[in-house]
Amino acid sequence: MTIYYVEGGLRALHAAAVAAEERQETMSPTAREAPPKAYMKLVRMFPLVHIRDDEHLEAASEMLTYVLALGEDDQGVVDYLDVLTDLVEAYEKEHVHIPDASEAEVLGFLMESRTLSQTRLAEETGIAQATISNVLRGPRGLTKDQVVRLAEFFHVGPGAFLPAAPKK
């Protein structure tokens, strides 16, 4: 696992903590105490800074996996996870494009996740097996009625089979 350290990051954090202690008498009673030890340990392992590039994103993803394995029994872990998730989401929103899946890819994924054969899906939905085969191979698309039937069968919204609306 790659560990990133921002020079002065911990010093700046410490200075902020000292300043907060000095003005504690003016803080409201609802102000939070010092972060739990688990939170600070995680910050030392992987500081909470804006993600800079894809390599940093990969390291953040590895850290997310590690933190998720810790569970949610410790409030410090939960707080750290919330912030790290926000940082990853912000980077991905701006830098990572995830293309829409085709209706064939969606249908194939849903069938695979339930270990359904084309024949079994045809029996369950009333859509001809040949139609399902053609949709999966690509030469044919789904009709509105078929989209509705499949969405009901798989318990997903009909939009799962439709491409996203273009951004304005």
Protein backbone atom coordinates (compact mmCIF):
# COMPACT_ATOMS: atom_id res chain seq x y z
CA MET A 1 0.00 0.00 0.00
CA THR A 2 1.35 3.42 -0.92
CA ILE A 3 1.30 5.92 1.92
CA TYR A 4 1.15 9.60 1.10
CA TYR A 5 2.46 12.22 3.48
CA VAL A 6 1.88 15.90 2.99
CA GLU A 7 4.76 17.92 4.46
CA GLY A 8 3.46 20.04 7.26
CA GLY A 9 0.08 18.29 7.18
CA LEU A 10 0.36 16.80 10.65
CA ARG A 11 2.02 19.93 12.00
CA ALA A 12 -0.83 22.02 10.65
CA LEU A 13 -3.34 19.59 12.15
CA HIS A 14 -1.54 19.73 15.50
CA ALA A 15 -1.46 23.54 15.41
CA ALA A 16 -5.20 23.61 14.73
CA ALA A 17 -5.81 21.24 17.66
CA VAL A 18 -3.68 23.41 19.99
CA ALA A 19 -5.54 26.53 18.85
CA ALA A 20 -8.88 24.80 19.44
CA GLU A 21 -7.79 23.82 22.98
CA GLU A 22 -6.75 27.41 23.72
CA ARG A 23 -10.16 28.77 22.74
CA GLN A 24 -12.12 25.91 24.30
CA GLU A 25 -13.73 28.27 26.80
CA THR A 26 -15.42 30.10 23.91
CA MET A 27 -16.56 26.95 22.12
CA SER A 28 -20.17 25.88 22.34
CA PRO A 29 -21.04 22.83 24.43
CA THR A 30 -21.88 20.94 21.23
CA ALA A 31 -18.35 21.34 19.83
CA ARG A 32 -16.65 18.03 19.24
CA GLU A 33 -13.87 16.72 21.41
CA ALA A 34 -10.55 15.67 19.92
CA PRO A 35 -10.95 13.00 17.25
CA PRO A 36 -10.82 9.42 18.53
CA LYS A 37 -7.42 7.70 18.46
CA ALA A 38 -8.53 5.38 15.64
CA TYR A 39 -9.24 8.42 13.45
CA MET A 40 -5.80 9.92 14.05
CA LYS A 41 -4.12 6.56 13.44
CA LEU A 42 -5.89 6.30 10.08
CA VAL A 43 -4.96 9.90 9.19
CA ARG A 44 -1.31 9.06 9.88
CA MET A 45 -1.59 6.03 7.58
CA PHE A 46 -3.30 7.96 4.78
CA PRO A 47 -3.79 11.72 5.25
CA LEU A 48 -7.13 13.17 4.21
CA VAL A 49 -6.14 15.48 1.37
CA HIS A 50 -7.65 16.09 -2.06
CA ILE A 51 -6.85 13.24 -4.41
CA ARG A 52 -4.32 14.43 -6.98
CA ASP A 53 -4.11 11.74 -9.65
CA ASP A 54 -5.05 8.18 -10.60
CA GLU A 55 -2.19 6.69 -8.57
CA HIS A 56 -3.38 8.54 -5.50
CA LEU A 57 -6.95 7.36 -6.27
CA GLU A 58 -5.72 3.76 -6.35
CA ALA A 59 -4.05 4.21 -2.96
CA ALA A 60 -7.23 5.80 -1.59
CA SER A 61 -9.25 2.84 -2.89
CA GLU A 62 -6.89 0.43 -1.13
CA MET A 63 -7.29 2.45 2.06
CA LEU A 64 -11.09 2.37 1.68
CA THR A 65 -10.95 -1.43 1.47
CA TYR A 66 -8.81 -1.54 4.60
CA VAL A 67 -11.06 0.84 6.55
CA LEU A 68 -14.24 -0.97 5.49
CA ALA A 69 -12.77 -4.19 6.89
CA LEU A 70 -12.38 -2.49 10.30
CA GLY A 71 -16.14 -2.27 10.72
CA GLU A 72 -18.22 0.57 12.10
CA ASP A 73 -17.88 -0.05 15.85
CA ASP A 74 -15.51 2.89 16.35
CA GLN A 75 -16.77 6.43 15.67
CA GLY A 76 -13.27 7.47 14.59
CA VAL A 77 -13.30 4.82 11.87
CA VAL A 78 -16.77 5.91 10.73
CA ASP A 79 -15.74 9.58 10.60
CA TYR A 80 -12.57 8.78 8.65
CA LEU A 81 -14.51 6.59 6.23
CA ASP A 82 -17.04 9.39 5.61
CA VAL A 83 -14.35 11.91 4.70
CA LEU A 84 -12.26 9.53 2.59
CA THR A 85 -15.38 8.44 0.70
CA ASP A 86 -16.22 12.09 -0.01
CA LEU A 87 -12.68 12.73 -1.31
CA VAL A 88 -12.79 9.69 -3.63
CA GLU A 89 -16.26 10.61 -4.87
CA ALA A 90 -15.20 14.20 -5.61
CA TYR A 91 -12.17 13.05 -7.62
CA GLU A 92 -14.12 10.42 -9.55
CA LYS A 93 -16.93 12.84 -10.35
CA GLU A 94 -14.46 15.20 -12.00
CA HIS A 95 -11.88 12.82 -13.51
CA VAL A 96 -13.34 9.34 -14.04
CA HIS A 97 -15.80 8.72 -16.85
CA ILE A 98 -17.85 5.54 -16.53
CA PRO A 99 -19.59 4.87 -19.84
CA ASP A 100 -23.19 3.72 -19.96
CA ALA A 101 -23.68 -0.01 -20.27
CA SER A 102 -25.68 -1.22 -23.24
CA GLU A 103 -29.01 -2.92 -22.64
CA ALA A 104 -27.33 -6.19 -23.70
CA GLU A 105 -24.62 -5.72 -21.03
CA VAL A 106 -27.22 -4.88 -18.38
CA LEU A 107 -29.39 -7.85 -19.29
CA GLY A 108 -26.38 -10.18 -19.39
CA PHE A 109 -25.20 -8.95 -15.99
CA LEU A 110 -28.64 -9.38 -14.41
CA MET A 111 -29.00 -12.86 -15.86
CA GLU A 112 -25.52 -13.87 -14.71
CA SER A 113 -26.10 -12.51 -11.20
CA ARG A 114 -29.11 -14.82 -10.89
CA THR A 115 -27.56 -17.66 -12.88
CA LEU A 116 -30.47 -17.55 -15.31
CA SER A 117 -30.41 -19.18 -18.71
CA GLN A 118 -32.06 -17.54 -21.70
CA THR A 119 -34.67 -20.30 -21.68
CA ARG A 120 -35.51 -19.79 -18.01
CA LEU A 121 -35.72 -15.99 -18.44
CA ALA A 122 -38.03 -16.48 -21.43
CA GLU A 123 -40.31 -18.72 -19.34
CA GLU A 124 -40.38 -16.25 -16.44
CA THR A 125 -40.98 -13.09 -18.49
CA GLY A 126 -42.91 -14.27 -21.53
CA ILE A 127 -40.25 -12.81 -23.84
CA ALA A 128 -39.25 -15.22 -26.59
CA GLN A 129 -35.88 -16.91 -26.07
CA ALA A 130 -34.85 -15.92 -29.62
CA THR A 131 -35.52 -12.27 -28.74
CA ILE A 132 -33.41 -12.54 -25.60
CA SER A 133 -30.62 -14.14 -27.62
CA ASN A 134 -30.74 -11.39 -30.25
CA VAL A 135 -30.69 -8.66 -27.59
CA LEU A 136 -27.68 -10.26 -25.91
CA ARG A 137 -25.82 -10.60 -29.24
CA GLY A 138 -26.64 -7.02 -30.21
CA PRO A 139 -28.63 -7.07 -33.45
CA ARG A 140 -31.90 -6.32 -31.67
CA GLY A 141 -32.97 -3.88 -28.99
CA LEU A 142 -35.66 -4.19 -26.34
CA THR A 143 -39.15 -2.79 -26.83
CA LYS A 144 -40.73 -0.61 -24.13
CA ASP A 145 -42.94 -3.52 -23.09
CA GLN A 146 -39.92 -5.83 -22.77
CA VAL A 147 -38.03 -3.24 -20.74
CA VAL A 148 -40.97 -2.95 -18.35
CA ARG A 149 -41.30 -6.74 -18.00
CA LEU A 150 -37.58 -7.21 -17.41
CA ALA A 151 -37.42 -4.33 -14.92
CA GLU A 152 -40.31 -5.85 -12.94
CA PHE A 153 -38.77 -9.32 -13.05
CA PHE A 154 -35.30 -8.17 -11.91
CA HIS A 155 -36.71 -5.57 -9.46
CA VAL A 156 -34.83 -2.68 -11.06
CA GLY A 157 -36.06 0.57 -12.57
CA PRO A 158 -36.69 0.62 -16.32
CA GLY A 159 -33.94 3.24 -16.56
CA ALA A 160 -31.38 0.48 -15.90
CA PHE A 161 -31.86 -0.56 -19.53
CA LEU A 162 -31.72 2.97 -20.95
CA PRO A 163 -28.70 5.18 -21.62
CA ALA A 164 -28.22 8.18 -19.36
CA ALA A 165 -29.61 11.51 -20.56
CA PRO A 166 -26.96 13.73 -22.11
CA LYS A 167 -25.55 16.42 -19.80
CA LYS A 168 -26.55 19.98 -20.60
